[in-house]
Amino acid sequence: MEIIKLRDEYIKLGQALKAAGFVDSGLESKIVIKEGQVSVNGEVEYQRGKKLHDGDIVTFGENTIKIEK
């Protein structure tokens, strides 16, 4: 499980995937999100700009990101 520490109030989903190293670019994050491969708190998410806050859990395949303050 990757942990991303928030510097601000939130981080966007596409940025979180890139920061965790799960994708190499913003374009790649856009594609995997639009294809329904990413879940936030157990629900499939289709918006790359979805704001993630403290406690959110992102799942992409076998990979997981936890957002912490």
PDB file of N, CA and C in Angstrom:
ATOM      1  N   MET A   1       0.849  -1.187   0.000  1.00  0.00           N
ATOM      2  CA  MET A   1       0.000   0.000   0.000  1.00  0.00           C
ATOM      3  C   MET A   1       0.888   1.242   0.000  1.00  0.00           C
ATOM      4  N   GLU A   2       0.633   2.119  -0.948  1.00  0.00           N
ATOM      5  CA  GLU A   2       1.323   3.407  -1.010  1.00  0.00           C
ATOM      6  C   GLU A   2       0.562   4.405  -0.141  1.00  0.00           C
ATOM      7  N   ILE A   3       1.286   5.255   0.546  1.00  0.00           N
ATOM      8  CA  ILE A   3       0.656   6.306   1.344  1.00  0.00           C
ATOM      9  C   ILE A   3       1.082   7.646   0.768  1.00  0.00           C
ATOM     10  N   ILE A   4       0.083   8.483   0.506  1.00  0.00           N
ATOM     11  CA  ILE A   4       0.359   9.835   0.015  1.00  0.00           C
ATOM     12  C   ILE A   4      -0.038  10.812   1.108  1.00  0.00           C
ATOM     13  N   LYS A   5       0.922  11.625   1.515  1.00  0.00           N
ATOM     14  CA  LYS A   5       0.679  12.652   2.532  1.00  0.00           C
ATOM     15  C   LYS A   5       0.206  13.924   1.825  1.00  0.00           C
ATOM     16  N   LEU A   6      -0.900  14.453   2.292  1.00  0.00           N
ATOM     17  CA  LEU A   6      -1.450  15.674   1.700  1.00  0.00           C
ATOM     18  C   LEU A   6      -0.636  16.894   2.120  1.00  0.00           C
ATOM     19  N   ARG A   7      -0.307  17.734   1.157  1.00  0.00           N
ATOM     20  CA  ARG A   7       0.325  19.020   1.455  1.00  0.00           C
ATOM     21  C   ARG A   7      -0.732  20.104   1.543  1.00  0.00           C
ATOM     22  N   ASP A   8      -1.828  19.881   0.814  1.00  0.00           N
ATOM     23  CA  ASP A   8      -2.958  20.808   0.812  1.00  0.00           C
ATOM     24  C   ASP A   8      -4.168  20.068   1.366  1.00  0.00           C
ATOM     25  N   GLU A   9      -5.341  20.629   1.162  1.00  0.00           N
ATOM     26  CA  GLU A   9      -6.576  20.033   1.660  1.00  0.00           C
ATOM     27  C   GLU A   9      -6.932  18.751   0.918  1.00  0.00           C
ATOM     28  N   TYR A  10      -6.521  18.645  -0.359  1.00  0.00           N
ATOM     29  CA  TYR A  10      -6.853  17.484  -1.180  1.00  0.00           C
ATOM     30  C   TYR A  10      -5.810  17.289  -2.269  1.00  0.00           C
ATOM     31  N   ILE A  11      -5.879  16.123  -2.927  1.00  0.00           N
ATOM     32  CA  ILE A  11      -5.099  15.850  -4.130  1.00  0.00           C
ATOM     33  C   ILE A  11      -6.075  15.252  -5.139  1.00  0.00           C
ATOM     34  N   LYS A  12      -5.900  15.558  -6.396  1.00  0.00           N
ATOM     35  CA  LYS A  12      -6.791  15.013  -7.420  1.00  0.00           C
ATOM     36  C   LYS A  12      -6.394  13.575  -7.747  1.00  0.00           C
ATOM     37  N   LEU A  13      -7.371  12.800  -8.152  1.00  0.00           N
ATOM     38  CA  LEU A  13      -7.168  11.379  -8.417  1.00  0.00           C
ATOM     39  C   LEU A  13      -6.045  11.125  -9.419  1.00  0.00           C
ATOM     40  N   GLY A  14      -6.046  11.818 -10.534  1.00  0.00           N
ATOM     41  CA  GLY A  14      -5.007  11.626 -11.547  1.00  0.00           C
ATOM     42  C   GLY A  14      -3.622  11.925 -10.996  1.00  0.00           C
ATOM     43  N   GLN A  15      -3.519  12.969 -10.171  1.00  0.00           N
ATOM     44  CA  GLN A  15      -2.241  13.333  -9.560  1.00  0.00           C
ATOM     45  C   GLN A  15      -1.780  12.262  -8.576  1.00  0.00           C
ATOM     46  N   ALA A  16      -2.724  11.684  -7.843  1.00  0.00           N
ATOM     47  CA  ALA A  16      -2.390  10.654  -6.859  1.00  0.00           C
ATOM     48  C   ALA A  16      -1.844   9.404  -7.549  1.00  0.00           C
ATOM     49  N   LEU A  17      -2.466   9.002  -8.653  1.00  0.00           N
ATOM     50  CA  LEU A  17      -1.979   7.830  -9.389  1.00  0.00           C
ATOM     51  C   LEU A  17      -0.559   8.051  -9.888  1.00  0.00           C
ATOM     52  N   LYS A  18      -0.296   9.257 -10.372  1.00  0.00           N
ATOM     53  CA  LYS A  18       1.043   9.579 -10.875  1.00  0.00           C
ATOM     54  C   LYS A  18       2.045   9.667  -9.726  1.00  0.00           C
ATOM     55  N   ALA A  19       1.658  10.298  -8.622  1.00  0.00           N
ATOM     56  CA  ALA A  19       2.560  10.449  -7.472  1.00  0.00           C
ATOM     57  C   ALA A  19       2.942   9.099  -6.874  1.00  0.00           C
ATOM     58  N   ALA A  20       2.026   8.143  -6.918  1.00  0.00           N
ATOM     59  CA  ALA A  20       2.294   6.807  -6.379  1.00  0.00           C
ATOM     60  C   ALA A  20       3.117   5.960  -7.349  1.00  0.00           C
ATOM     61  N   GLY A  21       3.278   6.456  -8.585  1.00  0.00           N
ATOM     62  CA  GLY A  21       4.050   5.720  -9.581  1.00  0.00           C
ATOM     63  C   GLY A  21       3.259   4.636 -10.295  1.00  0.00           C
ATOM     64  N   PHE A  22       1.935   4.668 -10.178  1.00  0.00           N
ATOM     65  CA  PHE A  22       1.086   3.653 -10.817  1.00  0.00           C
ATOM     66  C   PHE A  22       0.891   3.937 -12.300  1.00  0.00           C
ATOM     67  N   VAL A  23       1.044   5.201 -12.702  1.00  0.00           N
ATOM     68  CA  VAL A  23       0.993   5.594 -14.111  1.00  0.00           C
ATOM     69  C   VAL A  23       2.165   6.531 -14.373  1.00  0.00           C
ATOM     70  N   ASP A  24       2.540   6.667 -15.637  1.00  0.00           N
ATOM     71  CA  ASP A  24       3.686   7.500 -15.995  1.00  0.00           C
ATOM     72  C   ASP A  24       3.323   8.916 -16.414  1.00  0.00           C
ATOM     73  N   SER A  25       2.043   9.133 -16.764  1.00  0.00           N
ATOM     74  CA  SER A  25       1.663  10.454 -17.255  1.00  0.00           C
ATOM     75  C   SER A  25       0.207  10.757 -16.933  1.00  0.00           C
ATOM     76  N   GLY A  26      -0.139  12.033 -17.101  1.00  0.00           N
ATOM     77  CA  GLY A  26      -1.526  12.441 -16.919  1.00  0.00           C
ATOM     78  C   GLY A  26      -2.436  11.786 -17.942  1.00  0.00           C
ATOM     79  N   LEU A  27      -1.926  11.600 -19.153  1.00  0.00           N
ATOM     80  CA  LEU A  27      -2.715  10.950 -20.197  1.00  0.00           C
ATOM     81  C   LEU A  27      -3.018   9.500 -19.813  1.00  0.00           C
ATOM     82  N   GLU A  28      -2.016   8.806 -19.298  1.00  0.00           N
ATOM     83  CA  GLU A  28      -2.227   7.414 -18.887  1.00  0.00           C
ATOM     84  C   GLU A  28      -3.236   7.336 -17.746  1.00  0.00           C
ATOM     85  N   SER A  29      -3.169   8.268 -16.792  1.00  0.00           N
ATOM     86  CA  SER A  29      -4.139   8.264 -15.694  1.00  0.00           C
ATOM     87  C   SER A  29      -5.546   8.513 -16.231  1.00  0.00           C
ATOM     88  N   LYS A  30      -5.670   9.420 -17.185  1.00  0.00           N
ATOM     89  CA  LYS A  30      -6.971   9.709 -17.794  1.00  0.00           C
ATOM     90  C   LYS A  30      -7.561   8.450 -18.426  1.00  0.00           C
ATOM     91  N   ILE A  31      -6.735   7.699 -19.146  1.00  0.00           N
ATOM     92  CA  ILE A  31      -7.203   6.492 -19.835  1.00  0.00           C
ATOM     93  C   ILE A  31      -7.669   5.428 -18.845  1.00  0.00           C
ATOM     94  N   VAL A  32      -6.851   5.120 -17.830  1.00  0.00           N
ATOM     95  CA  VAL A  32      -7.228   4.044 -16.897  1.00  0.00           C
ATOM     96  C   VAL A  32      -8.449   4.425 -16.069  1.00  0.00           C
ATOM     97  N   ILE A  33      -8.597   5.715 -15.760  1.00  0.00           N
ATOM     98  CA  ILE A  33      -9.777   6.164 -15.009  1.00  0.00           C
ATOM     99  C   ILE A  33     -11.024   6.070 -15.885  1.00  0.00           C
ATOM    100  N   LYS A  34     -10.939   6.571 -17.119  1.00  0.00           N
ATOM    101  CA  LYS A  34     -12.090   6.524 -18.035  1.00  0.00           C
ATOM    102  C   LYS A  34     -12.513   5.098 -18.356  1.00  0.00           C
ATOM    103  N   GLU A  35     -11.560   4.149 -18.336  1.00  0.00           N
ATOM    104  CA  GLU A  35     -11.881   2.743 -18.599  1.00  0.00           C
ATOM    105  C   GLU A  35     -12.468   2.035 -17.378  1.00  0.00           C
ATOM    106  N   GLY A  36     -12.601   2.753 -16.253  1.00  0.00           N
ATOM    107  CA  GLY A  36     -13.213   2.170 -15.060  1.00  0.00           C
ATOM    108  C   GLY A  36     -12.294   1.241 -14.282  1.00  0.00           C
ATOM    109  N   GLN A  37     -10.978   1.435 -14.419  1.00  0.00           N
ATOM    110  CA  GLN A  37     -10.021   0.572 -13.733  1.00  0.00           C
ATOM    111  C   GLN A  37      -9.657   1.059 -12.330  1.00  0.00           C
ATOM    112  N   VAL A  38     -10.181   2.221 -11.928  1.00  0.00           N
ATOM    113  CA  VAL A  38      -9.798   2.831 -10.652  1.00  0.00           C
ATOM    114  C   VAL A  38     -11.027   2.976  -9.753  1.00  0.00           C
ATOM    115  N   SER A  39     -10.860   2.599  -8.478  1.00  0.00           N
ATOM    116  CA  SER A  39     -11.934   2.748  -7.491  1.00  0.00           C
ATOM    117  C   SER A  39     -11.479   3.676  -6.374  1.00  0.00           C
ATOM    118  N   VAL A  40     -12.429   4.455  -5.854  1.00  0.00           N
ATOM    119  CA  VAL A  40     -12.179   5.310  -4.697  1.00  0.00           C
ATOM    120  C   VAL A  40     -13.162   4.884  -3.621  1.00  0.00           C
ATOM    121  N   ASN A  41     -12.640   4.455  -2.497  1.00  0.00           N
ATOM    122  CA  ASN A  41     -13.467   3.981  -1.379  1.00  0.00           C
ATOM    123  C   ASN A  41     -14.458   2.908  -1.825  1.00  0.00           C
ATOM    124  N   GLY A  42     -13.996   2.000  -2.695  1.00  0.00           N
ATOM    125  CA  GLY A  42     -14.806   0.864  -3.125  1.00  0.00           C
ATOM    126  C   GLY A  42     -15.755   1.116  -4.276  1.00  0.00           C
ATOM    127  N   GLU A  43     -15.809   2.334  -4.785  1.00  0.00           N
ATOM    128  CA  GLU A  43     -16.703   2.674  -5.895  1.00  0.00           C
ATOM    129  C   GLU A  43     -15.880   3.079  -7.118  1.00  0.00           C
ATOM    130  N   VAL A  44     -16.238   2.549  -8.284  1.00  0.00           N
ATOM    131  CA  VAL A  44     -15.527   2.901  -9.513  1.00  0.00           C
ATOM    132  C   VAL A  44     -15.665   4.405  -9.747  1.00  0.00           C
ATOM    133  N   GLU A  45     -14.541   5.041 -10.061  1.00  0.00           N
ATOM    134  CA  GLU A  45     -14.524   6.489 -10.274  1.00  0.00           C
ATOM    135  C   GLU A  45     -14.085   6.784 -11.702  1.00  0.00           C
ATOM    136  N   TYR A  46     -14.822   7.670 -12.381  1.00  0.00           N
ATOM    137  CA  TYR A  46     -14.540   8.009 -13.777  1.00  0.00           C
ATOM    138  C   TYR A  46     -14.024   9.434 -13.961  1.00  0.00           C
ATOM    139  N   GLN A  47     -13.870  10.189 -12.867  1.00  0.00           N
ATOM    140  CA  GLN A  47     -13.429  11.585 -12.959  1.00  0.00           C
ATOM    141  C   GLN A  47     -11.978  11.715 -12.516  1.00  0.00           C
ATOM    142  N   ARG A  48     -11.119  12.098 -13.432  1.00  0.00           N
ATOM    143  CA  ARG A  48      -9.695  12.260 -13.115  1.00  0.00           C
ATOM    144  C   ARG A  48      -9.489  13.362 -12.083  1.00  0.00           C
ATOM    145  N   GLY A  49     -10.372  14.358 -12.081  1.00  0.00           N
ATOM    146  CA  GLY A  49     -10.255  15.486 -11.156  1.00  0.00           C
ATOM    147  C   GLY A  49     -10.912  15.276  -9.810  1.00  0.00           C
ATOM    148  N   LYS A  50     -11.375  14.060  -9.534  1.00  0.00           N
ATOM    149  CA  LYS A  50     -12.000  13.747  -8.238  1.00  0.00           C
ATOM    150  C   LYS A  50     -11.045  14.145  -7.111  1.00  0.00           C
ATOM    151  N   LYS A  51     -11.551  14.922  -6.153  1.00  0.00           N
ATOM    152  CA  LYS A  51     -10.719  15.378  -5.040  1.00  0.00           C
ATOM    153  C   LYS A  51     -10.650  14.290  -3.969  1.00  0.00           C
ATOM    154  N   LEU A  52      -9.436  13.935  -3.597  1.00  0.00           N
ATOM    155  CA  LEU A  52      -9.222  12.931  -2.563  1.00  0.00           C
ATOM    156  C   LEU A  52      -8.803  13.632  -1.279  1.00  0.00           C
ATOM    157  N   HIS A  53      -9.402  13.185  -0.172  1.00  0.00           N
ATOM    158  CA  HIS A  53      -9.145  13.798   1.132  1.00  0.00           C
ATOM    159  C   HIS A  53      -8.586  12.759   2.098  1.00  0.00           C
ATOM    160  N   ASP A  54      -8.199  13.225   3.276  1.00  0.00           N
ATOM    161  CA  ASP A  54      -7.658  12.356   4.313  1.00  0.00           C
ATOM    162  C   ASP A  54      -8.567  11.147   4.550  1.00  0.00           C
ATOM    163  N   GLY A  55      -7.986   9.961   4.499  1.00  0.00           N
ATOM    164  CA  GLY A  55      -8.731   8.735   4.756  1.00  0.00           C
ATOM    165  C   GLY A  55      -9.234   8.025   3.514  1.00  0.00           C
ATOM    166  N   ASP A  56      -9.184   8.668   2.355  1.00  0.00           N
ATOM    167  CA  ASP A  56      -9.644   8.029   1.121  1.00  0.00           C
ATOM    168  C   ASP A  56      -8.699   6.900   0.717  1.00  0.00           C
ATOM    169  N   ILE A  57      -9.274   5.856   0.131  1.00  0.00           N
ATOM    170  CA  ILE A  57      -8.521   4.704  -0.351  1.00  0.00           C
ATOM    171  C   ILE A  57      -8.767   4.562  -1.848  1.00  0.00           C
ATOM    172  N   VAL A  58      -7.679   4.511  -2.621  1.00  0.00           N
ATOM    173  CA  VAL A  58      -7.756   4.360  -4.076  1.00  0.00           C
ATOM    174  C   VAL A  58      -7.217   2.981  -4.443  1.00  0.00           C
ATOM    175  N   THR A  59      -7.946   2.269  -5.302  1.00  0.00           N
ATOM    176  CA  THR A  59      -7.508   0.959  -5.753  1.00  0.00           C
ATOM    177  C   THR A  59      -7.386   0.972  -7.270  1.00  0.00           C
ATOM    178  N   PHE A  60      -6.249   0.449  -7.761  1.00  0.00           N
ATOM    179  CA  PHE A  60      -5.984   0.341  -9.188  1.00  0.00           C
ATOM    180  C   PHE A  60      -5.324  -1.010  -9.402  1.00  0.00           C
ATOM    181  N   GLY A  61      -6.101  -1.975  -9.906  1.00  0.00           N
ATOM    182  CA  GLY A  61      -5.595  -3.341 -10.053  1.00  0.00           C
ATOM    183  C   GLY A  61      -5.247  -3.904  -8.690  1.00  0.00           C
ATOM    184  N   GLU A  62      -4.007  -4.377  -8.539  1.00  0.00           N
ATOM    185  CA  GLU A  62      -3.531  -4.927  -7.268  1.00  0.00           C
ATOM    186  C   GLU A  62      -2.957  -3.841  -6.353  1.00  0.00           C
ATOM    187  N   ASN A  63      -2.948  -2.605  -6.827  1.00  0.00           N
ATOM    188  CA  ASN A  63      -2.309  -1.510  -6.099  1.00  0.00           C
ATOM    189  C   ASN A  63      -3.323  -0.694  -5.298  1.00  0.00           C
ATOM    190  N   THR A  64      -2.861  -0.218  -4.146  1.00  0.00           N
ATOM    191  CA  THR A  64      -3.714   0.586  -3.280  1.00  0.00           C
ATOM    192  C   THR A  64      -2.957   1.820  -2.818  1.00  0.00           C
ATOM    193  N   ILE A  65      -3.691   2.933  -2.760  1.00  0.00           N
ATOM    194  CA  ILE A  65      -3.151   4.196  -2.231  1.00  0.00           C
ATOM    195  C   ILE A  65      -4.025   4.619  -1.066  1.00  0.00           C
ATOM    196  N   LYS A  66      -3.396   5.029   0.028  1.00  0.00           N
ATOM    197  CA  LYS A  66      -4.122   5.604   1.147  1.00  0.00           C
ATOM    198  C   LYS A  66      -3.722   7.071   1.241  1.00  0.00           C
ATOM    199  N   ILE A  67      -4.725   7.945   1.365  1.00  0.00           N
ATOM    200  CA  ILE A  67      -4.486   9.382   1.467  1.00  0.00           C
ATOM    201  C   ILE A  67      -4.482   9.749   2.943  1.00  0.00           C
ATOM    202  N   GLU A  68      -3.407  10.423   3.371  1.00  0.00           N
ATOM    203  CA  GLU A  68      -3.304  10.837   4.780  1.00  0.00           C
ATOM    204  C   GLU A  68      -2.949  12.307   4.883  1.00  0.00           C
ATOM    205  N   LYS A  69      -3.403  12.920   5.942  1.00  0.00           N
ATOM    206  CA  LYS A  69      -3.116  14.336   6.220  1.00  0.00           C
ATOM    207  C   LYS A  69      -1.704  14.466   6.727  1.00  0.00           C
TER     208      LYS A  69
END
